[in-house]
Each structure stands twice: as C-alpha cells, then as structure tokens.
Amino acid sequence: MKRILIIEDENELCDFLGLRLEKSGFEVIAANDGVEGLNKARVENPDLIILDLMLPKMPGEEVCKQVRKDPRISGIPIIMLTAKCTDADKVIGTVIGADVYIAKPFEGAKLIQAINKLLA
C-alpha cells in the first residue's frame, strides 16, 4: 500500500483528502504545519507528499526546498495543492521542486489521477 503524507493546515480539507485517498487504496499520514510535515517526511519516508503552500511554522515553499535538499527523501514526488494560483506561483512551485501544481478548489478525480501518474 502506497503511503501519502498530507501537509495541510485546514483540518476539514485534510480530513476530506485523507478519506478520499484511503478510499482509493492509499495509507495516509497527516501533518498540520510545515515543521511537523518536514519531520514526518523524514521519519515516515512516504511515497508521495501533498503540500499546501500557506502553512504555519514553515511555509510550504521552504518545506519543498528542504525535502529536495535531503538526499534521503529528495526523490519523493510532491504535489502542491494550494490557493495560490497565479502563473508566477506555479512557476515558483515547479522551480523549487514540485512535480505537480494543483490550485484550490480542485477536482478530487484530477488529484487521484495525478497521484497515480506520479506513483506509476
């Protein structure tokens, strides 16, 4: 079973994503701030990370940079799932290491499709 780390500070969205992913056959790990998320990425070594940008304690951009710098976890695919959706935000997201950039609100089916593609 593939393991997905959700780093999201909105509890309702985190719960929704967790249920959706579990129904799709994934094991879910959750973190509610950037520091906790980075620590869980290092300890849990998930197969994929879903990362919000606007997070308490450490912004998602920094979490992404730290993941990409750490050779133990640098290969984990990252999906940025965020309300920041300008073209500049998308470019920054991919430059710092996101594999996929999805703007909120999003379609659950498109998220699952992106996850499956990255994990294939």
C-alpha atoms as a PDB file:
ATOM      1  CA  MET A   1       0.000   0.000   0.000  1.00  0.00           C
ATOM      2  CA  LYS A   2       1.420   3.380  -1.042  1.00  0.00           C
ATOM      3  CA  ARG A   3       1.767   5.977   1.717  1.00  0.00           C
ATOM      4  CA  ILE A   4       0.858   9.630   1.185  1.00  0.00           C
ATOM      5  CA  LEU A   5       1.801  12.479   3.509  1.00  0.00           C
ATOM      6  CA  ILE A   6      -0.684  15.358   3.511  1.00  0.00           C
ATOM      7  CA  ILE A   7       0.766  18.622   4.841  1.00  0.00           C
ATOM      8  CA  GLU A   8      -2.278  20.884   5.191  1.00  0.00           C
ATOM      9  CA  ASP A   9      -3.331  23.251   7.983  1.00  0.00           C
ATOM     10  CA  GLU A  10      -7.060  23.297   7.147  1.00  0.00           C
ATOM     11  CA  ASN A  11      -8.384  20.384   9.212  1.00  0.00           C
ATOM     12  CA  GLU A  12     -11.569  19.873   7.184  1.00  0.00           C
ATOM     13  CA  LEU A  13      -9.654  19.705   3.902  1.00  0.00           C
ATOM     14  CA  CYS A  14      -7.040  17.408   5.442  1.00  0.00           C
ATOM     15  CA  ASP A  15      -9.788  15.067   6.683  1.00  0.00           C
ATOM     16  CA  PHE A  16     -11.554  15.147   3.297  1.00  0.00           C
ATOM     17  CA  LEU A  17      -8.325  14.373   1.444  1.00  0.00           C
ATOM     18  CA  GLY A  18      -7.473  11.616   3.887  1.00  0.00           C
ATOM     19  CA  LEU A  19     -10.830   9.893   3.421  1.00  0.00           C
ATOM     20  CA  ARG A  20     -10.674  10.261  -0.358  1.00  0.00           C
ATOM     21  CA  LEU A  21      -7.177   8.820  -0.504  1.00  0.00           C
ATOM     22  CA  GLU A  22      -7.979   5.940   1.856  1.00  0.00           C
ATOM     23  CA  LYS A  23     -10.999   5.041  -0.312  1.00  0.00           C
ATOM     24  CA  SER A  24      -8.603   4.990  -3.276  1.00  0.00           C
ATOM     25  CA  GLY A  25      -6.376   2.479  -1.514  1.00  0.00           C
ATOM     26  CA  PHE A  26      -3.666   4.681  -0.015  1.00  0.00           C
ATOM     27  CA  GLU A  27      -2.358   4.861   3.531  1.00  0.00           C
ATOM     28  CA  VAL A  28      -2.481   8.454   4.795  1.00  0.00           C
ATOM     29  CA  ILE A  29      -0.180  10.350   7.135  1.00  0.00           C
ATOM     30  CA  ALA A  30      -1.145  13.932   8.062  1.00  0.00           C
ATOM     31  CA  ALA A  31       0.657  16.998   9.372  1.00  0.00           C
ATOM     32  CA  ASN A  32      -0.877  20.384  10.168  1.00  0.00           C
ATOM     33  CA  ASP A  33       2.159  22.662   9.819  1.00  0.00           C
ATOM     34  CA  GLY A  34       5.367  22.847   7.839  1.00  0.00           C
ATOM     35  CA  VAL A  35       7.751  21.801  10.613  1.00  0.00           C
ATOM     36  CA  GLU A  36       5.668  18.748  11.528  1.00  0.00           C
ATOM     37  CA  GLY A  37       5.311  17.901   7.840  1.00  0.00           C
ATOM     38  CA  LEU A  38       9.039  18.031   7.167  1.00  0.00           C
ATOM     39  CA  ASN A  39       9.747  15.911  10.246  1.00  0.00           C
ATOM     40  CA  LYS A  40       7.145  13.326   9.200  1.00  0.00           C
ATOM     41  CA  ALA A  41       8.584  13.243   5.674  1.00  0.00           C
ATOM     42  CA  ARG A  42      11.996  12.407   7.141  1.00  0.00           C
ATOM     43  CA  VAL A  43      10.717   9.819   9.634  1.00  0.00           C
ATOM     44  CA  GLU A  44       7.904   8.182   7.657  1.00  0.00           C
ATOM     45  CA  ASN A  45       9.513   8.328   4.175  1.00  0.00           C
ATOM     46  CA  PRO A  46       6.169   8.446   2.326  1.00  0.00           C
ATOM     47  CA  ASP A  47       5.727   7.541  -1.336  1.00  0.00           C
ATOM     48  CA  LEU A  48       4.258  10.970  -2.146  1.00  0.00           C
ATOM     49  CA  ILE A  49       3.668  14.339  -0.444  1.00  0.00           C
ATOM     50  CA  ILE A  50       0.649  16.608  -0.918  1.00  0.00           C
ATOM     51  CA  LEU A  51       1.809  20.035   0.221  1.00  0.00           C
ATOM     52  CA  ASP A  52      -0.038  23.284   0.889  1.00  0.00           C
ATOM     53  CA  LEU A  53       1.991  26.476   0.461  1.00  0.00           C
ATOM     54  CA  MET A  54       0.439  28.628   3.169  1.00  0.00           C
ATOM     55  CA  LEU A  55       1.326  26.783   6.366  1.00  0.00           C
ATOM     56  CA  PRO A  56       2.100  27.808   9.951  1.00  0.00           C
ATOM     57  CA  LYS A  57       5.628  27.421  11.400  1.00  0.00           C
ATOM     58  CA  MET A  58       7.280  26.860   7.992  1.00  0.00           C
ATOM     59  CA  PRO A  59       5.832  27.809   4.592  1.00  0.00           C
ATOM     60  CA  GLY A  60       5.294  25.095   2.006  1.00  0.00           C
ATOM     61  CA  GLU A  61       7.939  26.589  -0.274  1.00  0.00           C
ATOM     62  CA  GLU A  62      10.566  26.015   2.426  1.00  0.00           C
ATOM     63  CA  VAL A  63       9.289  22.506   3.154  1.00  0.00           C
ATOM     64  CA  CYS A  64       9.634  21.686  -0.546  1.00  0.00           C
ATOM     65  CA  LYS A  65      13.170  23.113  -0.689  1.00  0.00           C
ATOM     66  CA  GLN A  66      14.210  21.156   2.414  1.00  0.00           C
ATOM     67  CA  VAL A  67      12.778  17.908   1.027  1.00  0.00           C
ATOM     68  CA  ARG A  68      14.672  18.407  -2.234  1.00  0.00           C
ATOM     69  CA  LYS A  69      17.942  19.129  -0.341  1.00  0.00           C
ATOM     70  CA  ASP A  70      17.743  15.993   1.821  1.00  0.00           C
ATOM     71  CA  PRO A  71      19.209  13.026  -0.117  1.00  0.00           C
ATOM     72  CA  ARG A  72      17.183  10.536   1.959  1.00  0.00           C
ATOM     73  CA  ILE A  73      13.840  11.974   0.804  1.00  0.00           C
ATOM     74  CA  SER A  74      14.674  14.129  -2.224  1.00  0.00           C
ATOM     75  CA  GLY A  75      13.105  11.662  -4.653  1.00  0.00           C
ATOM     76  CA  ILE A  76       9.630  11.771  -3.104  1.00  0.00           C
ATOM     77  CA  PRO A  77       7.135  13.242  -5.593  1.00  0.00           C
ATOM     78  CA  ILE A  78       5.469  16.445  -4.372  1.00  0.00           C
ATOM     79  CA  ILE A  79       2.047  17.721  -5.372  1.00  0.00           C
ATOM     80  CA  MET A  80       1.478  21.335  -4.367  1.00  0.00           C
ATOM     81  CA  LEU A  81      -2.184  21.820  -3.558  1.00  0.00           C
ATOM     82  CA  THR A  82      -2.765  25.475  -2.841  1.00  0.00           C
ATOM     83  CA  ALA A  83      -4.984  28.528  -3.183  1.00  0.00           C
ATOM     84  CA  LYS A  84      -2.021  30.462  -4.598  1.00  0.00           C
ATOM     85  CA  CYS A  85      -2.721  30.004  -8.283  1.00  0.00           C
ATOM     86  CA  THR A  86      -1.158  32.795 -10.322  1.00  0.00           C
ATOM     87  CA  ASP A  87       1.146  31.846 -13.173  1.00  0.00           C
ATOM     88  CA  ALA A  88       4.080  33.195 -11.119  1.00  0.00           C
ATOM     89  CA  ASP A  89       3.109  30.933  -8.188  1.00  0.00           C
ATOM     90  CA  LYS A  90       3.033  27.907 -10.497  1.00  0.00           C
ATOM     91  CA  VAL A  91       6.462  28.736 -11.930  1.00  0.00           C
ATOM     92  CA  ILE A  92       7.930  29.183  -8.437  1.00  0.00           C
ATOM     93  CA  GLY A  93       6.368  25.887  -7.359  1.00  0.00           C
ATOM     94  CA  THR A  94       7.972  23.945 -10.167  1.00  0.00           C
ATOM     95  CA  VAL A  95      11.319  25.748  -9.824  1.00  0.00           C
ATOM     96  CA  ILE A  96      11.613  24.820  -6.136  1.00  0.00           C
ATOM     97  CA  GLY A  97      10.787  21.198  -6.840  1.00  0.00           C
ATOM     98  CA  ALA A  98       7.065  20.447  -7.090  1.00  0.00           C
ATOM     99  CA  ASP A  99       6.225  17.707  -9.565  1.00  0.00           C
ATOM    100  CA  VAL A 100       2.597  18.811  -9.970  1.00  0.00           C
ATOM    101  CA  TYR A 101       0.874  22.073  -9.050  1.00  0.00           C
ATOM    102  CA  ILE A 102      -2.894  21.939  -8.403  1.00  0.00           C
ATOM    103  CA  ALA A 103      -4.935  25.015  -7.497  1.00  0.00           C
ATOM    104  CA  LYS A 104      -7.743  25.004  -4.923  1.00  0.00           C
ATOM    105  CA  PRO A 105     -10.590  24.436  -5.394  1.00  0.00           C
ATOM    106  CA  PHE A 106      -9.745  21.200  -7.170  1.00  0.00           C
ATOM    107  CA  GLU A 107     -11.463  18.123  -8.557  1.00  0.00           C
ATOM    108  CA  GLY A 108     -10.792  15.009  -6.489  1.00  0.00           C
ATOM    109  CA  ALA A 109     -10.592  12.841  -9.597  1.00  0.00           C
ATOM    110  CA  LYS A 110      -7.831  15.022 -11.077  1.00  0.00           C
ATOM    111  CA  LEU A 111      -5.854  14.796  -7.846  1.00  0.00           C
ATOM    112  CA  ILE A 112      -6.150  10.990  -7.770  1.00  0.00           C
ATOM    113  CA  GLN A 113      -5.151  10.871 -11.447  1.00  0.00           C
ATOM    114  CA  ALA A 114      -2.043  12.991 -10.737  1.00  0.00           C
ATOM    115  CA  ILE A 115      -1.134  10.784  -7.758  1.00  0.00           C
ATOM    116  CA  ASN A 116      -1.478   7.601  -9.775  1.00  0.00           C
ATOM    117  CA  LYS A 117       0.622   9.027 -12.595  1.00  0.00           C
ATOM    118  CA  LEU A 118       3.421  10.057 -10.218  1.00  0.00           C
ATOM    119  CA  LEU A 119       3.409   6.702  -8.425  1.00  0.00           C
ATOM    120  CA  ALA A 120       3.283   4.590 -11.610  1.00  0.00           C
END
